[in-house]
Protein backbone atom coordinates (compact mmCIF):
# COMPACT_ATOMS: atom_id res chain seq x y z
CA MET A 1 35.38 144.45 78.19
CA SER A 2 38.10 145.31 80.71
CA ALA A 3 41.24 146.97 79.57
CA SER A 4 43.34 144.04 80.73
CA THR A 5 41.41 141.47 78.69
CA PRO A 6 42.94 140.89 75.24
CA GLY A 7 40.68 141.26 72.23
CA ALA A 8 39.70 138.42 69.93
CA GLY A 9 42.17 139.62 67.30
CA THR A 10 45.05 139.54 69.78
CA VAL A 11 44.17 136.02 70.91
CA VAL A 12 43.90 134.73 67.33
CA ARG A 13 47.17 136.42 66.41
CA ARG A 14 48.98 134.78 69.31
CA ILE A 15 47.60 131.34 68.50
CA LEU A 16 48.56 131.58 64.84
CA VAL A 17 52.04 132.92 65.55
CA TYR A 18 52.95 130.24 68.06
CA VAL A 19 51.43 127.39 66.05
CA ILE A 20 53.39 128.49 62.98
CA LEU A 21 56.54 128.99 65.06
CA LEU A 22 56.25 125.51 66.57
CA ALA A 23 55.71 123.99 63.13
CA LEU A 24 58.75 125.82 61.73
CA VAL A 25 60.90 124.70 64.67
CA VAL A 26 59.89 121.07 64.06
CA ILE A 27 60.50 121.37 60.31
CA THR A 28 63.90 122.95 60.83
CA ALA A 29 64.93 120.32 63.37
CA ILE A 30 63.92 117.55 60.97
CA GLY A 31 65.93 119.14 58.18
CA VAL A 32 69.06 119.72 60.27
CA SER A 33 68.95 116.20 61.70
CA GLY A 34 68.63 114.82 58.18
CA LEU A 35 71.75 116.70 57.06
CA LEU A 36 73.65 115.73 60.20
CA GLU A 37 72.72 112.10 59.64
CA ARG A 38 74.48 112.19 56.27
CA VAL A 39 77.58 113.62 57.92
CA LEU A 40 77.64 111.08 60.73
CA GLY A 41 76.81 108.21 58.41
CA ALA A 42 79.21 109.14 55.62
CA GLY A 43 80.28 106.07 53.67
CA ARG A 44 77.34 103.93 54.84
CA GLU A 45 74.89 104.94 52.11
CA LEU A 46 74.58 102.28 49.40
CA VAL A 47 72.02 104.11 47.23
CA ALA A 48 71.95 107.89 46.88
CA ASP A 49 68.76 109.40 48.31
CA ASP A 50 68.53 112.68 46.41
CA ALA A 51 64.88 113.22 47.36
CA GLY A 52 65.68 112.90 51.06
CA LEU A 53 68.63 115.26 50.71
CA ALA A 54 66.49 117.81 48.86
CA ALA A 55 63.84 117.67 51.64
CA SER A 56 66.48 118.13 54.34
CA LEU A 57 68.01 121.10 52.50
CA ALA A 58 64.60 122.72 51.98
CA PHE A 59 63.56 122.19 55.60
CA THR A 60 66.86 123.61 56.85
CA PHE A 61 67.48 126.57 54.57
CA ILE A 62 63.86 127.66 54.17
CA GLY A 63 62.26 126.59 57.43
CA GLY A 64 65.22 127.76 59.53
CA PRO A 65 65.33 131.38 58.31
CA LEU A 66 61.54 131.63 58.45
CA ALA A 67 61.58 130.41 62.06
CA GLY A 68 64.34 132.91 62.88
CA VAL A 69 62.50 135.85 61.33
CA LEU A 70 59.22 134.94 63.04
CA TRP A 71 60.97 134.55 66.41
CA TRP A 72 62.82 137.88 65.94
CA TRP A 73 59.47 139.58 65.24
CA GLN A 74 57.64 137.92 68.12
CA GLN A 75 60.31 138.18 70.82
CA ARG A 76 60.17 141.98 70.60
CA ARG A 77 56.53 141.78 71.68
CA LEU A 78 57.53 139.82 74.77
CA ALA A 79 58.81 143.05 76.29
CA ASP A 80 55.11 143.69 76.94
CA PRO A 81 54.10 142.05 80.27
CA ALA A 82 50.73 141.09 78.76
CA GLU A 83 52.48 139.02 76.09
CA ARG A 84 54.63 137.23 78.66
CA ALA A 85 51.52 136.53 80.73
CA SER A 86 49.56 135.10 77.79
CA LEU A 87 48.46 131.47 77.94
CA THR A 88 49.54 130.81 74.35
CA TRP A 89 53.16 131.76 75.08
CA ALA A 90 53.22 129.51 78.13
CA LEU A 91 51.70 126.61 76.18
CA TYR A 92 54.15 127.07 73.30
CA VAL A 93 57.16 126.91 75.63
CA ALA A 94 55.74 123.88 77.42
CA ALA A 95 54.89 122.05 74.17
CA ALA A 96 58.24 122.76 72.49
CA THR A 97 60.26 121.94 75.62
CA THR A 98 58.42 118.71 76.40
CA ALA A 99 58.32 117.46 72.81
CA SER A 100 62.04 118.09 72.27
CA LEU A 101 62.82 116.40 75.60
CA ILE A 102 60.86 113.29 74.63
CA VAL A 103 62.41 113.04 71.17
CA PHE A 104 66.02 113.54 72.21
CA SER A 105 65.76 111.30 75.30
CA THR A 106 64.29 108.36 73.40
CA ALA A 107 66.77 108.86 70.56
CA LEU A 108 69.67 108.98 73.04
CA ALA A 109 68.48 105.75 74.64
CA SER A 110 68.35 104.16 71.18
CA VAL A 111 71.89 105.32 70.36
CA VAL A 112 73.36 103.96 73.60
CA SER A 113 71.43 100.69 73.32
CA ASP A 114 72.65 100.19 69.77
CA GLY A 115 76.19 100.97 70.90
CA ILE A 116 76.00 98.28 73.59
CA ALA A 117 74.97 95.82 70.87
CA GLY A 118 77.93 96.92 68.73
CA GLU A 119 75.83 98.87 66.22
CA TRP A 120 75.91 102.47 65.05
CA GLU A 121 72.76 104.27 63.91
CA PRO A 122 73.59 107.78 62.66
CA GLU A 123 69.89 108.63 62.26
CA ALA A 124 69.17 108.24 65.97
CA ALA A 125 72.39 110.08 66.88
CA SER A 126 71.55 113.05 64.67
CA VAL A 127 68.01 113.23 66.04
CA ALA A 128 69.35 113.16 69.62
CA ILE A 129 71.86 115.95 68.97
CA VAL A 130 69.51 118.30 67.14
CA TRP A 131 66.55 117.89 69.47
CA ALA A 132 68.81 118.24 72.51
CA ALA A 133 69.81 121.62 71.09
CA VAL A 134 66.13 122.54 70.66
CA TRP A 135 65.47 121.52 74.27
CA VAL A 136 68.40 123.57 75.58
CA LEU A 137 67.33 126.60 73.51
CA HIS A 138 63.80 126.58 74.91
CA GLY A 139 65.16 125.95 78.39
CA LEU A 140 67.15 129.17 78.04
CA MET A 141 64.00 130.98 76.94
CA ARG A 142 62.19 129.75 80.03
CA ALA A 143 65.07 130.79 82.27
CA SER A 144 65.37 134.28 80.76
CA SER A 145 64.13 137.05 83.04
CA ARG A 146 63.22 139.09 79.98
CA ILE A 147 61.04 136.73 77.95
CA SER A 148 60.15 133.78 80.22
CA PRO A 149 56.41 133.04 80.60
CA THR A 150 54.89 134.46 83.76
CA ARG A 151 51.88 132.15 83.45
CA LEU A 152 52.18 128.42 84.20
CA PRO A 153 55.95 128.77 84.68
CA THR A 154 56.35 125.26 86.12
CA LEU A 155 54.34 123.45 83.43
CA PRO A 156 57.39 122.29 81.38
CA VAL A 157 59.13 121.16 84.60
CA LEU A 158 56.18 119.06 85.71
CA LEU A 159 55.63 117.50 82.27
CA GLY A 160 59.34 116.73 81.94
CA GLY A 161 59.39 115.11 85.37
CA VAL A 162 56.40 112.93 84.51
CA PHE A 163 58.05 111.80 81.27
CA GLY A 164 61.32 111.02 83.03
CA LEU A 165 59.49 109.00 85.68
CA ALA A 166 57.60 107.04 83.01
CA MET A 167 60.83 106.33 81.13
CA LEU A 168 62.52 105.24 84.36
CA ALA A 169 59.64 102.92 85.28
CA ILE A 170 59.38 101.31 81.84
CA GLY A 171 63.12 100.69 81.58
CA ALA A 172 63.38 99.34 85.13
CA VAL A 173 60.40 97.01 84.68
CA ASP A 174 61.82 95.67 81.40
CA ALA A 175 65.27 95.06 82.93
CA LEU A 176 63.85 93.37 86.00
CA ALA A 177 61.45 91.28 83.91
CA GLU A 178 64.32 90.01 81.76
CA LEU A 179 66.31 89.03 84.84
CA ILE A 180 63.31 87.20 86.31
CA ALA A 181 62.62 85.46 82.99
CA GLU A 182 66.19 84.20 82.91
CA ALA A 183 65.91 83.01 86.50
CA LEU A 184 62.70 81.13 85.63
CA SER A 185 64.19 79.50 82.55
CA PHE A 186 64.44 76.23 84.47
CA ALA A 187 60.70 75.76 83.93
CA GLU A 188 60.90 75.69 80.16
CA PRO A 189 63.65 76.81 77.75
CA VAL A 190 61.26 79.15 75.93
CA LEU A 191 61.02 81.31 79.05
CA ALA A 192 64.66 82.32 78.80
CA GLY A 193 65.39 85.67 77.26
CA GLY A 194 67.88 84.15 74.79
CA THR A 195 71.61 83.60 74.86
CA ASN A 196 72.23 87.37 75.11
CA TRP A 197 69.72 88.05 77.85
CA TRP A 198 72.26 90.27 79.59
CA LEU A 199 72.31 92.52 76.52
CA THR A 200 68.57 93.09 76.82
CA VAL A 201 69.00 93.84 80.53
CA LEU A 202 71.70 96.42 79.82
CA GLN A 203 69.66 98.09 77.10
CA ALA A 204 66.62 98.34 79.39
CA ALA A 205 68.86 99.63 82.17
CA VAL A 206 70.10 102.38 79.83
CA THR A 207 66.51 103.50 79.26
CA ALA A 208 65.91 103.49 83.01
CA ALA A 209 69.12 105.44 83.68
CA ILE A 210 68.30 108.15 81.13
CA GLY A 211 64.76 108.37 82.51
CA ALA A 212 66.15 108.66 86.05
CA LEU A 213 68.45 111.49 84.95
CA VAL A 214 65.58 113.34 83.25
CA TRP A 215 63.38 112.87 86.31
CA TRP A 216 66.13 114.00 88.70
CA TRP A 217 66.83 117.10 86.64
CA HIS A 218 63.21 118.23 86.64
CA TRP A 219 62.21 116.94 90.07
CA PHE A 220 65.19 118.20 92.08
CA ARG A 221 67.31 120.54 89.96
CA GLN A 222 64.31 122.41 88.52
CA ARG A 223 62.41 121.98 91.82
CA GLY A 224 59.38 120.30 90.33
CA ARG A 225 58.89 118.57 93.69
CA ASP A 226 58.19 121.95 95.31
CA ALA A 227 56.04 123.38 92.52
CA ALA A 228 52.92 125.08 93.87
CA GLY A 229 49.49 125.46 92.36
CA ALA A 230 46.50 123.37 91.39
CA PHE A 231 48.15 121.87 88.30
CA ALA A 232 51.11 120.62 90.34
CA ASP A 233 48.68 118.99 92.76
CA VAL A 234 46.84 117.30 89.89
CA VAL A 235 50.12 116.00 88.45
CA GLN A 236 51.09 114.52 91.80
CA VAL A 237 47.69 112.80 92.15
CA VAL A 238 47.85 111.42 88.60
CA VAL A 239 51.40 110.12 89.06
CA THR A 240 50.50 108.41 92.33
CA GLY A 241 47.39 106.92 90.72
CA ALA A 242 49.38 105.59 87.77
CA LEU A 243 51.91 103.97 90.11
CA THR A 244 49.06 102.45 92.13
CA LEU A 245 47.55 101.03 88.96
CA THR A 246 50.91 99.55 87.92
CA ALA A 247 51.51 97.90 91.28
CA LEU A 248 47.94 96.56 91.59
CA PHE A 249 47.93 95.16 88.06
CA GLY A 250 51.22 93.41 88.74
CA ALA A 251 50.03 92.08 92.10
CA GLY A 252 46.85 90.71 90.55
CA THR A 253 48.83 88.96 87.83
CA VAL A 254 51.26 87.45 90.36
CA LEU A 255 48.35 86.09 92.41
CA PHE A 256 46.76 84.72 89.21
CA VAL A 257 49.98 82.84 88.38
CA ILE A 258 50.19 81.42 91.91
CA LEU A 259 46.58 80.22 91.81
CA ARG A 260 47.12 78.62 88.42
CA LEU A 261 50.22 76.83 89.71
CA LEU A 262 48.12 75.43 92.56
CA PHE A 263 44.85 74.61 90.81
CA ASP A 264 45.37 74.67 87.03
CA THR A 265 46.58 71.87 84.78
CA ASP A 266 48.13 73.92 81.98
CA PRO A 267 51.87 73.54 81.19
CA ILE A 268 54.06 75.31 83.70
CA ALA A 269 55.77 77.39 81.00
CA GLU A 270 52.43 78.83 79.91
CA VAL A 271 51.41 79.53 83.49
CA LEU A 272 54.68 81.30 84.36
CA SER A 273 54.89 83.36 81.15
CA PRO A 274 53.40 86.62 82.58
CA LEU A 275 55.19 86.36 85.92
CA ASP A 276 58.38 88.22 84.93
CA THR A 277 56.66 91.44 83.86
CA ALA A 278 54.16 91.23 86.72
CA LEU A 279 56.87 90.96 89.37
CA GLY A 280 58.77 93.83 87.78
CA ALA A 281 55.61 95.98 87.81
CA VAL A 282 54.92 95.19 91.47
CA LEU A 283 58.46 95.94 92.63
CA ILE A 284 59.14 99.05 90.57
CA GLY A 285 55.62 100.45 90.94
CA GLY A 286 55.69 99.79 94.67
CA VAL A 287 59.09 101.42 95.20
CA LEU A 288 58.19 104.53 93.21
CA TRP A 289 54.81 104.76 94.95
CA ALA A 290 56.47 104.49 98.36
CA TYR A 291 58.60 107.51 97.46
CA HIS A 292 55.89 109.67 95.88
CA TYR A 293 53.06 109.11 98.33
CA PRO A 294 54.73 110.89 101.30
CA VAL A 295 55.67 113.76 98.99
CA LEU A 296 52.04 114.00 97.90
CA ALA A 297 50.79 113.81 101.50
CA ARG A 298 52.84 116.89 102.41
CA ARG A 299 50.93 118.95 99.86
CA GLY A 300 47.85 119.12 102.10
CA SER A 301 44.80 117.20 103.19
CA SER A 302 42.78 118.05 100.07
CA VAL A 303 45.46 116.60 97.79
CA LEU A 304 45.75 113.50 99.95
CA ARG A 305 41.98 113.09 99.89
CA ALA A 306 41.96 113.36 96.10
CA SER A 307 44.69 110.71 95.87
CA ARG A 308 42.65 108.37 98.07
CA LEU A 309 39.64 108.82 95.79
CA VAL A 310 41.75 108.02 92.73
CA THR A 311 43.15 104.92 94.44
CA SER A 312 39.65 103.91 95.46
CA ALA A 313 38.42 104.26 91.88
CA ILE A 314 41.29 102.16 90.48
CA ALA A 315 40.82 99.41 93.06
CA LEU A 316 37.05 99.51 92.58
CA ILE A 317 37.40 98.91 88.85
CA GLY A 318 39.67 95.94 89.53
CA ALA A 319 37.41 94.45 92.20
CA ALA A 320 34.23 94.96 90.17
CA SER A 321 35.84 93.44 87.08
CA GLY A 322 36.96 90.45 89.15
CA PHE A 323 33.46 89.99 90.58
CA GLY A 324 31.96 90.07 87.09
CA VAL A 325 34.49 87.52 85.82
CA VAL A 326 33.72 85.22 88.78
CA VAL A 327 30.00 85.33 87.95
CA ASN A 328 30.87 84.66 84.31
CA ALA A 329 33.03 81.65 85.25
CA LEU A 330 30.39 80.21 87.59
CA LEU A 331 27.76 80.41 84.86
CA ALA A 332 30.21 78.68 82.51
CA THR A 333 30.13 75.60 84.74
CA PHE A 334 26.48 75.05 83.74
CA THR A 335 27.29 74.87 80.04
CA ALA A 336 29.05 72.32 77.88
CA THR A 337 32.43 73.84 76.97
CA LEU A 338 35.13 72.92 74.55
CA VAL A 339 38.11 70.88 75.74
CA ASP A 340 40.43 73.89 75.73
CA ASP A 341 37.87 76.25 77.24
CA ASP A 342 38.27 75.51 80.94
CA PRO A 343 36.26 77.95 83.13
CA ARG A 344 38.67 77.25 85.97
CA THR A 345 41.28 79.60 84.48
CA LEU A 346 38.62 82.28 84.06
CA LEU A 347 37.50 81.80 87.66
CA LEU A 348 41.06 82.08 88.97
CA GLY A 349 41.57 85.30 87.02
CA GLY A 350 38.42 86.82 88.47
CA LEU A 351 39.34 85.77 92.00
CA SER A 352 42.81 87.31 91.60
CA ALA A 353 41.40 90.69 90.59
CA LEU A 354 38.78 90.56 93.35
CA VAL A 355 41.20 89.52 96.11
CA VAL A 356 43.70 92.25 95.19
CA GLY A 357 41.25 95.05 94.34
CA PHE A 358 38.71 94.73 97.15
CA PRO A 359 41.10 95.15 100.15
CA VAL A 360 42.79 98.14 98.52
CA TRP A 361 39.39 99.71 97.84
CA TRP A 362 38.37 99.08 101.46
CA ILE A 363 41.55 100.73 102.79
CA ALA A 364 41.26 103.74 100.48
CA TRP A 365 37.49 104.28 100.79
CA ARG A 366 37.04 103.08 104.41
CA PRO A 367 33.32 102.27 104.19
CA GLU A 368 33.16 101.20 107.85
CA ARG A 369 33.91 104.67 109.26
CA SER A 370 31.20 107.16 110.11
CA VAL A 371 31.10 110.14 107.76
CA ALA A 372 30.88 113.63 109.23
CA ALA A 373 28.68 116.24 107.64
CA GLU A 374 31.75 118.22 106.53
CA ASP A 375 33.14 115.16 104.73
CA ALA A 376 29.77 114.47 103.12
CA ALA A 377 29.73 118.01 101.74
CA ASP A 378 33.25 117.71 100.28
CA THR A 379 33.14 118.52 96.58
CA GLY A 380 35.69 115.87 95.60
CA ARG A 381 33.77 113.11 97.39
CA ARG A 382 30.45 114.16 95.83
CA VAL A 383 31.97 114.30 92.34
CA TYR A 384 33.54 110.88 92.87
CA LEU A 385 30.23 109.30 93.95
CA ILE A 386 28.28 110.84 91.09
CA ALA A 387 30.95 109.79 88.58
CA VAL A 388 30.99 106.20 89.87
CA PHE A 389 27.27 105.53 89.93
CA GLY A 390 26.77 107.57 86.76
CA ALA A 391 29.36 105.49 84.89
CA SER A 392 27.82 102.35 86.39
CA ALA A 393 24.42 103.34 85.07
CA VAL A 394 25.81 103.84 81.56
CA VAL A 395 27.59 100.47 81.64
CA ALA A 396 24.43 98.78 82.96
CA ILE A 397 22.32 100.21 80.14
CA VAL A 398 24.81 99.08 77.49
CA THR A 399 25.06 95.65 79.09
CA LEU A 400 21.27 95.28 79.23
CA LEU A 401 21.10 96.09 75.54
CA LEU A 402 23.73 93.45 74.84
CA ILE A 403 21.87 90.86 76.93
CA GLY A 404 18.66 91.69 75.11
CA TYR A 405 20.41 91.24 71.80
CA ARG A 406 21.73 87.85 72.89
CA VAL A 407 18.28 86.77 74.13
CA PHE A 408 16.56 87.69 70.87
CA GLU A 409 19.41 86.13 68.92
CA TYR A 410 18.85 82.86 70.79
CA VAL A 411 15.06 83.02 70.35
CA LEU A 412 15.42 83.57 66.61
CA ASP A 413 18.12 80.91 66.20
CA PRO A 414 18.12 78.45 69.14
CA SER A 415 20.07 75.88 67.14
CA GLY A 416 23.17 78.08 66.95
CA PHE A 417 26.68 77.05 67.98
CA SER A 418 26.34 78.41 71.55
CA GLY A 419 23.64 77.76 74.12
CA PHE A 420 21.62 80.43 75.93
CA VAL A 421 23.81 80.61 79.05
CA GLU A 422 26.99 80.65 76.99
CA ARG A 423 25.71 83.65 75.06
CA VAL A 424 24.70 85.78 78.03
CA ARG A 425 27.15 84.79 80.77
CA ALA A 426 29.82 87.41 79.97
CA PRO A 427 27.48 90.45 79.81
CA PHE A 428 25.46 89.10 82.74
CA GLY A 429 28.60 88.94 84.90
CA LEU A 430 29.42 92.54 83.98
CA LEU A 431 25.83 93.57 84.72
CA ALA A 432 25.93 91.90 88.14
CA ALA A 433 29.10 93.76 89.10
CA THR A 434 27.75 97.04 87.76
CA VAL A 435 24.48 96.74 89.69
CA VAL A 436 26.33 96.12 92.96
CA VAL A 437 28.62 99.12 92.40
CA PHE A 438 25.72 101.37 91.39
CA ALA A 439 23.49 100.38 94.30
CA TYR A 440 26.16 100.91 96.93
CA HIS A 441 27.47 104.25 95.66
CA PHE A 442 24.00 105.61 94.97
CA ALA A 443 22.97 104.80 98.54
CA VAL A 444 26.12 106.48 99.89
CA TRP A 445 25.47 109.55 97.73
CA ARG A 446 21.91 109.90 99.05
CA ARG A 447 23.11 109.56 102.63
CA ASP A 448 25.86 112.14 102.09
CA ARG A 449 23.42 114.56 100.49
CA ALA A 450 21.13 114.33 103.52
CA LEU A 451 24.08 114.92 105.86
CA ALA A 452 25.34 117.87 103.83
CA ARG A 453 21.97 119.62 104.17
CA THR A 454 22.47 119.81 107.92
CA ILE A 455 25.41 122.20 107.50
CA GLU A 456 24.57 125.86 107.78
CA PRO A 457 25.83 127.64 104.66
CA GLU A 458 28.53 130.15 105.42
CA ALA A 459 28.43 133.54 103.85
CA LYS A 460 31.63 133.87 101.85
CA PRO A 461 33.10 137.23 100.93
CA THR A 462 32.47 138.04 97.27
CA ILE A 463 33.74 140.75 94.98
CA GLY A 464 31.91 141.72 91.82
CA ARG A 465 34.88 143.33 90.09
CA ILE A 466 38.18 145.05 90.81
CA VAL A 467 39.13 148.45 89.46
CA LEU A 468 42.93 148.53 89.46
CA VAL A 469 44.81 151.84 89.35
CA SER A 470 48.50 151.34 88.55
CA THR A 471 51.25 152.50 86.25
CA ALA A 472 51.11 151.38 82.62
CA SER A 473 54.26 149.28 82.98
CA GLU A 474 52.74 146.98 85.59
CA ALA A 475 48.99 147.22 84.94
CA ASP A 476 48.76 144.10 82.77
CA ALA A 477 50.86 141.93 85.06
CA LEU A 478 49.00 143.03 88.20
CA SER A 479 45.56 142.59 86.63
CA ALA A 480 46.50 139.09 85.45
CA TYR A 481 47.80 138.30 88.95
CA PHE A 482 44.59 139.41 90.70
CA ARG A 483 42.43 137.66 88.12
CA ASP A 484 44.31 134.37 88.53
CA GLN A 485 44.36 134.53 92.33
CA LEU A 486 40.76 135.64 92.92
CA GLY A 487 38.87 134.68 89.77
CA VAL A 488 37.41 138.20 89.60
CA ARG A 489 36.92 140.46 86.62
CA VAL A 490 39.57 143.21 86.62
CA SER A 491 39.54 146.51 84.79
CA THR A 492 42.46 148.91 84.85
CA LEU A 493 43.02 152.65 84.99
CA ARG A 494 46.51 153.82 84.04
CA ALA A 495 48.20 156.16 86.50
CA ALA A 496 50.78 158.70 85.44
CA GLU A 497 54.35 157.44 85.21
CA THR A 498 55.33 159.79 88.04
CA VAL A 499 53.42 157.54 90.43
CA PRO A 500 55.82 155.08 92.10
CA ALA A 501 55.38 151.42 91.14
CA ALA A 502 53.93 149.03 93.70
CA ASP A 503 56.18 146.62 95.57
CA PRO A 504 55.55 143.12 94.06
CA GLU A 505 56.37 141.42 97.36
CA ALA A 506 53.38 143.13 99.00
CA MET A 507 50.86 141.72 96.52
CA PRO A 508 50.13 138.42 98.38
CA ALA A 509 49.06 140.45 101.43
CA VAL A 510 46.79 142.54 99.21
CA VAL A 511 45.19 139.35 97.84
CA ASP A 512 44.58 138.11 101.39
CA GLU A 513 42.89 141.38 102.23
CA LEU A 514 40.69 141.19 99.15
CA ARG A 515 39.58 137.66 100.03
CA GLY A 516 37.96 138.99 103.20
CA ILE A 517 35.94 141.72 101.46
CA SER A 518 32.36 141.61 100.15
CA ALA A 519 31.54 144.43 97.76
CA PRO A 520 30.20 144.86 94.21
CA THR A 521 33.29 146.87 93.26
CA VAL A 522 36.67 147.26 94.95
CA LEU A 523 39.13 150.00 94.05
CA VAL A 524 42.79 148.92 94.32
CA LEU A 525 45.37 151.72 94.25
CA ALA A 526 48.68 149.98 93.52
CA ALA A 527 51.61 152.26 94.27
CA GLY A 528 54.55 152.60 96.60
CA ALA A 529 56.33 150.30 99.01
CA GLU A 530 53.15 149.43 100.93
CA GLY A 531 51.85 147.61 97.84
CA ALA A 532 48.30 148.80 97.38
CA ARG A 533 45.41 150.48 99.09
CA VAL A 534 42.09 148.61 98.98
CA ILE A 535 38.85 150.63 98.98
CA PRO A 536 35.46 148.82 98.81
CA LEU A 537 32.83 150.79 96.85
CA THR A 538 29.08 150.66 97.38
CA ASP A 539 28.21 151.03 93.73
């Protein structure tokens, strides 16, 4: 085991300490907010809650000091660079920061919304105040040059930005949906949001405004937009995919409503009922996607390619589901149905999903273009193809089992309530869609595999291990840096303290030099302003 790799006891100790510390922070915050609630709500209590008061006092005056003592003991260890570079410390800061942000933001939205309605809820106000303090405290920890995590430093920023964006989107969709519902109230009085529809709009707008502030703080002020690294790329792809899903789902629902208005005979109020939320999802999801997609595209071709694959997968699920529903509805026309069970509505729903999903899948996947050998060998594309036809195979097996069950059920009891076609039409539609998806993607995967074999494999530089010689004060940080950047096992030898420390700004150049070396062992002498001297060893 290398000197820079922590032992099992150290890892277990870190996990236990930070889990206990997080639990004590939560307990203390609950206790303090309970006491503050009684102060803010003085005179409102009709029945004395001695049990609740006792719990709040215990949580505050026992959990608080225990959390303080544990933090005092642990923060002294953070003077060690290895402790600051530990994954558990980074995860603790991210978990505590994100959880406190979520709790205080939602509580603040509740307080303001209740205030608009002329109500006062001291419980929500106390929760917002206490958890805001917890969030600020952990933000100061993350900003401290002495104890801030050196591993995954942008994780809390990215998670906070995602939460703020989600809060903004939900509030904006709700506000817009209420406005649209009020505008559509001419169709049927039940569509109106009520006499105080404007109150609902304002409350949803408050949620959107708080979410926008949280997102702005993390995205711009904390520079989450410019965060580097693989995790930041994944977050950007996931956010763009979620916005794509929101917009496509809304667009499919809008088209479904339009088709029902044209071809269905149901009451207009019933037909228009999902239109408000669907339009809100299309508009808000589309606007946010239009902002995020160019930002994602600037992160590089690999990230853009991953986003296209995610979009393709989302659209494919929608199109395949629509195709299966269409087959289901067509089979329903051959069976005697109940008066209220009109397959026309089912058919229109399937057509909506198919018409919206298929063009988006075509644009994202571009099946008409010729695929170069380099594209066929792309890892993301190969994983996508295997995942799609693998999932399709699993769904097909399950669906076949369900069809078999329905067939035997009909054979054993042909006089049942439903006929044979009625029993199997839903799983058969799903099976038809799954078979089409599996056949196409399996054929593409086989073609890509044949193309990829035509590429001559390139010999890539490889390093078996790195032997790092540096001063004791920087050995742990440097070894963690080389291990994270190169994925190579690192062992350390401690130089005397009289040796000058290496210049940190020269380390990226050293990493670039190491990437071009092939050797079983490489000696790295880290000292002085030049950064480090790299010496490949033959043995």
